[in-house]
N, C-alpha and C. Protein backbone atom coordinates (compact mmCIF):
# COMPACT_ATOMS: atom_id res chain seq x y z
N UNK A 1 89.30 39.60 132.18
CA UNK A 1 89.02 39.74 133.60
C UNK A 1 88.23 41.04 133.80
N UNK A 2 87.12 40.95 134.53
CA UNK A 2 86.32 42.15 134.79
C UNK A 2 87.04 43.05 135.77
N UNK A 3 86.97 44.34 135.52
CA UNK A 3 87.66 45.30 136.39
C UNK A 3 86.89 45.55 137.69
N UNK A 4 85.54 45.47 137.65
CA UNK A 4 84.74 45.80 138.83
C UNK A 4 84.52 44.61 139.77
N UNK A 5 84.96 43.42 139.38
CA UNK A 5 84.81 42.24 140.23
C UNK A 5 86.02 42.11 141.14
N UNK A 6 85.76 41.84 142.41
CA UNK A 6 86.85 41.67 143.38
C UNK A 6 87.11 40.17 143.56
N UNK A 7 88.37 39.79 143.44
CA UNK A 7 88.79 38.40 143.60
C UNK A 7 89.80 38.31 144.73
N UNK A 8 89.79 37.17 145.44
CA UNK A 8 90.85 36.96 146.42
C UNK A 8 92.08 36.42 145.69
N UNK A 9 93.18 36.23 146.41
CA UNK A 9 94.44 35.82 145.77
C UNK A 9 94.32 34.48 145.05
N UNK A 10 93.63 33.53 145.67
CA UNK A 10 93.49 32.21 145.05
C UNK A 10 92.68 32.30 143.77
N UNK A 11 91.59 33.08 143.80
CA UNK A 11 90.76 33.25 142.62
C UNK A 11 91.54 33.93 141.49
N UNK A 12 92.35 34.92 141.83
CA UNK A 12 93.17 35.59 140.83
C UNK A 12 94.16 34.63 140.18
N UNK A 13 94.76 33.78 141.00
CA UNK A 13 95.72 32.81 140.50
C UNK A 13 95.05 31.85 139.51
N UNK A 14 93.86 31.38 139.85
CA UNK A 14 93.12 30.47 138.97
C UNK A 14 92.71 31.18 137.68
N UNK A 15 92.21 32.40 137.81
CA UNK A 15 91.78 33.16 136.65
C UNK A 15 92.95 33.43 135.70
N UNK A 16 94.09 33.79 136.24
CA UNK A 16 95.27 34.06 135.40
C UNK A 16 95.72 32.78 134.69
N UNK A 17 95.69 31.65 135.40
CA UNK A 17 96.07 30.38 134.79
C UNK A 17 95.09 30.00 133.68
N UNK A 18 93.80 30.26 133.90
CA UNK A 18 92.78 29.99 132.88
C UNK A 18 93.04 30.83 131.63
N UNK A 19 93.26 32.12 131.86
CA UNK A 19 93.49 33.02 130.73
C UNK A 19 94.78 32.69 130.00
N UNK A 20 95.79 32.18 130.72
CA UNK A 20 97.06 31.83 130.09
C UNK A 20 97.01 30.45 129.44
N UNK A 21 95.95 29.70 129.70
CA UNK A 21 95.83 28.37 129.12
C UNK A 21 96.72 27.34 129.77
N UNK A 22 97.11 27.57 131.02
CA UNK A 22 98.04 26.65 131.70
C UNK A 22 97.36 25.69 132.67
N UNK A 23 96.03 25.71 132.72
CA UNK A 23 95.34 24.76 133.61
C UNK A 23 95.43 23.36 133.04
N UNK A 24 95.60 22.38 133.89
CA UNK A 24 95.72 20.99 133.48
C UNK A 24 94.52 20.20 134.01
N UNK A 25 94.02 19.24 133.23
CA UNK A 25 92.90 18.42 133.70
C UNK A 25 93.31 17.59 134.93
N UNK A 26 92.38 17.38 135.82
CA UNK A 26 92.62 16.59 137.02
C UNK A 26 92.20 15.16 136.74
N UNK A 27 93.03 14.21 137.13
CA UNK A 27 92.68 12.81 136.89
C UNK A 27 91.70 12.32 137.97
N UNK A 28 90.87 11.38 137.61
CA UNK A 28 89.94 10.78 138.55
C UNK A 28 88.72 11.62 138.87
N UNK A 29 88.41 12.60 138.02
CA UNK A 29 87.27 13.48 138.29
C UNK A 29 85.97 12.70 138.29
N UNK A 30 85.79 11.81 137.35
CA UNK A 30 84.54 11.04 137.27
C UNK A 30 84.33 10.23 138.55
N UNK A 31 85.39 9.66 139.07
CA UNK A 31 85.30 8.87 140.31
C UNK A 31 84.94 9.78 141.49
N UNK A 32 85.54 10.96 141.55
CA UNK A 32 85.23 11.91 142.62
C UNK A 32 83.78 12.37 142.54
N UNK A 33 83.31 12.66 141.34
CA UNK A 33 81.93 13.10 141.16
C UNK A 33 80.97 12.00 141.63
N UNK A 34 81.26 10.77 141.25
CA UNK A 34 80.42 9.64 141.65
C UNK A 34 80.39 9.49 143.17
N UNK A 35 81.53 9.66 143.83
CA UNK A 35 81.60 9.54 145.28
C UNK A 35 80.81 10.66 145.96
N UNK A 36 80.90 11.87 145.43
CA UNK A 36 80.15 13.00 145.99
C UNK A 36 78.65 12.82 145.78
N UNK A 37 78.27 12.29 144.62
CA UNK A 37 76.85 12.04 144.36
C UNK A 37 76.30 11.00 145.32
N UNK A 38 77.08 9.94 145.58
CA UNK A 38 76.64 8.90 146.50
C UNK A 38 76.49 9.46 147.91
N UNK A 39 77.43 10.32 148.32
CA UNK A 39 77.35 10.93 149.65
C UNK A 39 76.13 11.84 149.76
N UNK A 40 75.84 12.59 148.70
CA UNK A 40 74.67 13.48 148.71
C UNK A 40 73.38 12.68 148.78
N UNK A 41 73.31 11.61 148.01
CA UNK A 41 72.11 10.77 148.03
C UNK A 41 71.90 10.17 149.41
N UNK A 42 72.97 9.70 150.04
CA UNK A 42 72.86 9.11 151.38
C UNK A 42 72.43 10.15 152.40
N UNK A 43 72.90 11.38 152.23
CA UNK A 43 72.56 12.45 153.15
C UNK A 43 71.07 12.78 153.10
N UNK A 44 70.52 12.78 151.90
CA UNK A 44 69.14 13.22 151.74
C UNK A 44 68.14 12.08 151.62
N UNK A 45 68.61 10.85 151.80
CA UNK A 45 67.71 9.70 151.75
C UNK A 45 66.78 9.76 152.97
N UNK A 46 65.51 9.70 152.70
CA UNK A 46 64.52 9.75 153.78
C UNK A 46 64.02 8.34 154.02
N UNK A 47 64.64 7.66 154.98
CA UNK A 47 64.28 6.26 155.22
C UNK A 47 63.67 6.03 156.60
N UNK A 48 63.39 7.11 157.33
CA UNK A 48 62.78 6.99 158.65
C UNK A 48 61.63 7.97 158.77
N UNK A 49 60.68 7.63 159.60
CA UNK A 49 59.52 8.49 159.83
C UNK A 49 59.61 9.06 161.24
N UNK A 50 59.18 10.31 161.39
CA UNK A 50 59.14 10.98 162.68
C UNK A 50 57.77 11.61 162.84
N UNK A 51 57.07 11.24 163.90
CA UNK A 51 55.78 11.85 164.21
C UNK A 51 55.95 12.69 165.46
N UNK A 52 55.59 13.95 165.38
CA UNK A 52 55.69 14.83 166.54
C UNK A 52 54.38 15.60 166.70
N UNK A 53 54.15 16.06 167.90
CA UNK A 53 52.98 16.89 168.17
C UNK A 53 53.51 18.28 168.49
N UNK A 54 52.97 19.28 167.77
CA UNK A 54 53.34 20.67 168.03
C UNK A 54 52.05 21.49 168.11
N UNK A 55 52.18 22.68 168.64
CA UNK A 55 51.00 23.53 168.75
C UNK A 55 50.50 23.94 167.37
N UNK A 56 49.21 24.19 167.26
CA UNK A 56 48.66 24.61 165.97
C UNK A 56 49.25 25.95 165.53
N UNK A 57 49.59 26.79 166.50
CA UNK A 57 50.22 28.07 166.16
C UNK A 57 51.59 27.86 165.51
N UNK A 58 52.40 26.96 166.12
CA UNK A 58 53.72 26.67 165.54
C UNK A 58 53.58 26.04 164.15
N UNK A 59 52.59 25.17 163.98
CA UNK A 59 52.38 24.55 162.68
C UNK A 59 51.99 25.59 161.64
N UNK A 60 51.09 26.50 161.97
CA UNK A 60 50.71 27.56 161.03
C UNK A 60 51.92 28.41 160.67
N UNK A 61 52.75 28.76 161.67
CA UNK A 61 53.95 29.56 161.40
C UNK A 61 54.95 28.80 160.53
N UNK A 62 55.09 27.50 160.80
CA UNK A 62 55.98 26.65 159.99
C UNK A 62 55.48 26.60 158.55
N UNK A 63 54.18 26.42 158.38
CA UNK A 63 53.61 26.37 157.04
C UNK A 63 53.79 27.70 156.31
N UNK A 64 53.62 28.80 157.04
CA UNK A 64 53.79 30.13 156.42
C UNK A 64 55.23 30.34 155.97
N UNK A 65 56.19 29.96 156.82
CA UNK A 65 57.60 30.11 156.44
C UNK A 65 57.96 29.22 155.27
N UNK A 66 57.41 28.00 155.25
CA UNK A 66 57.66 27.09 154.13
C UNK A 66 57.11 27.67 152.84
N UNK A 67 55.94 28.29 152.93
CA UNK A 67 55.34 28.92 151.76
C UNK A 67 56.23 30.05 151.24
N UNK A 68 56.80 30.84 152.16
CA UNK A 68 57.73 31.91 151.77
C UNK A 68 58.95 31.34 151.05
N UNK A 69 59.40 30.17 151.50
CA UNK A 69 60.57 29.53 150.89
C UNK A 69 60.21 28.77 149.61
N UNK A 70 58.92 28.54 149.40
CA UNK A 70 58.48 27.85 148.19
C UNK A 70 58.66 26.35 148.24
N UNK A 71 58.59 25.78 149.45
CA UNK A 71 58.73 24.33 149.60
C UNK A 71 57.60 23.80 150.48
N UNK A 72 57.28 22.51 150.35
CA UNK A 72 56.27 21.93 151.24
C UNK A 72 56.73 22.04 152.71
N UNK A 73 55.76 22.21 153.62
CA UNK A 73 56.15 22.44 155.01
C UNK A 73 56.86 21.25 155.63
N UNK A 74 56.54 20.03 155.22
CA UNK A 74 57.23 18.87 155.79
C UNK A 74 58.69 18.83 155.33
N UNK A 75 58.93 19.20 154.08
CA UNK A 75 60.29 19.29 153.57
C UNK A 75 61.06 20.37 154.31
N UNK A 76 60.39 21.50 154.54
CA UNK A 76 61.00 22.61 155.27
C UNK A 76 61.36 22.19 156.69
N UNK A 77 60.44 21.48 157.36
CA UNK A 77 60.70 21.02 158.73
C UNK A 77 61.87 20.04 158.76
N UNK A 78 61.92 19.13 157.79
CA UNK A 78 63.02 18.16 157.73
C UNK A 78 64.35 18.88 157.50
N UNK A 79 64.33 19.91 156.66
CA UNK A 79 65.53 20.69 156.39
C UNK A 79 66.01 21.40 157.65
N UNK A 80 65.09 21.99 158.39
CA UNK A 80 65.46 22.66 159.65
C UNK A 80 66.08 21.68 160.64
N UNK A 81 65.47 20.52 160.77
CA UNK A 81 66.01 19.51 161.69
C UNK A 81 67.41 19.07 161.25
N UNK A 82 67.58 18.87 159.95
CA UNK A 82 68.89 18.46 159.44
C UNK A 82 69.94 19.53 159.74
N UNK A 83 69.60 20.79 159.46
CA UNK A 83 70.54 21.88 159.72
C UNK A 83 70.88 21.97 161.20
N UNK A 84 69.89 21.78 162.06
CA UNK A 84 70.12 21.86 163.50
C UNK A 84 71.06 20.76 163.97
N UNK A 85 70.77 19.51 163.61
CA UNK A 85 71.59 18.41 164.12
C UNK A 85 72.98 18.38 163.50
N UNK A 86 73.15 19.01 162.32
CA UNK A 86 74.48 19.05 161.72
C UNK A 86 75.25 20.32 162.08
N UNK A 87 74.64 21.17 162.94
CA UNK A 87 75.34 22.35 163.43
C UNK A 87 75.34 23.52 162.46
N UNK A 88 74.43 23.54 161.50
CA UNK A 88 74.40 24.61 160.50
C UNK A 88 73.19 25.53 160.64
N UNK A 89 72.54 25.51 161.78
CA UNK A 89 71.36 26.35 161.98
C UNK A 89 71.66 27.38 163.04
N UNK A 90 71.59 28.65 162.66
CA UNK A 90 71.75 29.72 163.65
C UNK A 90 73.15 29.83 164.20
N UNK A 91 73.27 30.24 165.43
CA UNK A 91 74.55 30.51 166.09
C UNK A 91 74.97 29.35 166.99
N UNK A 92 75.16 28.20 166.40
CA UNK A 92 75.59 27.05 167.19
C UNK A 92 77.09 27.02 167.33
C-alpha cells in the first residue's frame, strides 16, 4: 500500500482484502458485462438525424472547441446534446 495515496474507508477495506488474499470471485460477471455493453451500445447508437440552423459564429466556436477536445465537431455537438438532455451538463 502506498503511503502517499489517500484512500477512503471502502477503498482501504478492499485494498486490505486484496493484500490478505481474501477477495472472492463474483458469480455472473460475464452476464453483467454483456448487459452493460448492450446498454452502452444502445446509449450511443446514432439512429436518428437532426438538422439545425445556427449562426456561423456559433458554428465556428463549436468547431474550435471540438478541435481543442480532439473530436469531430458533429460528435462534439451530439455529446453536448446528450449531456444536456441527461442532466449531466453544467449546473442542472
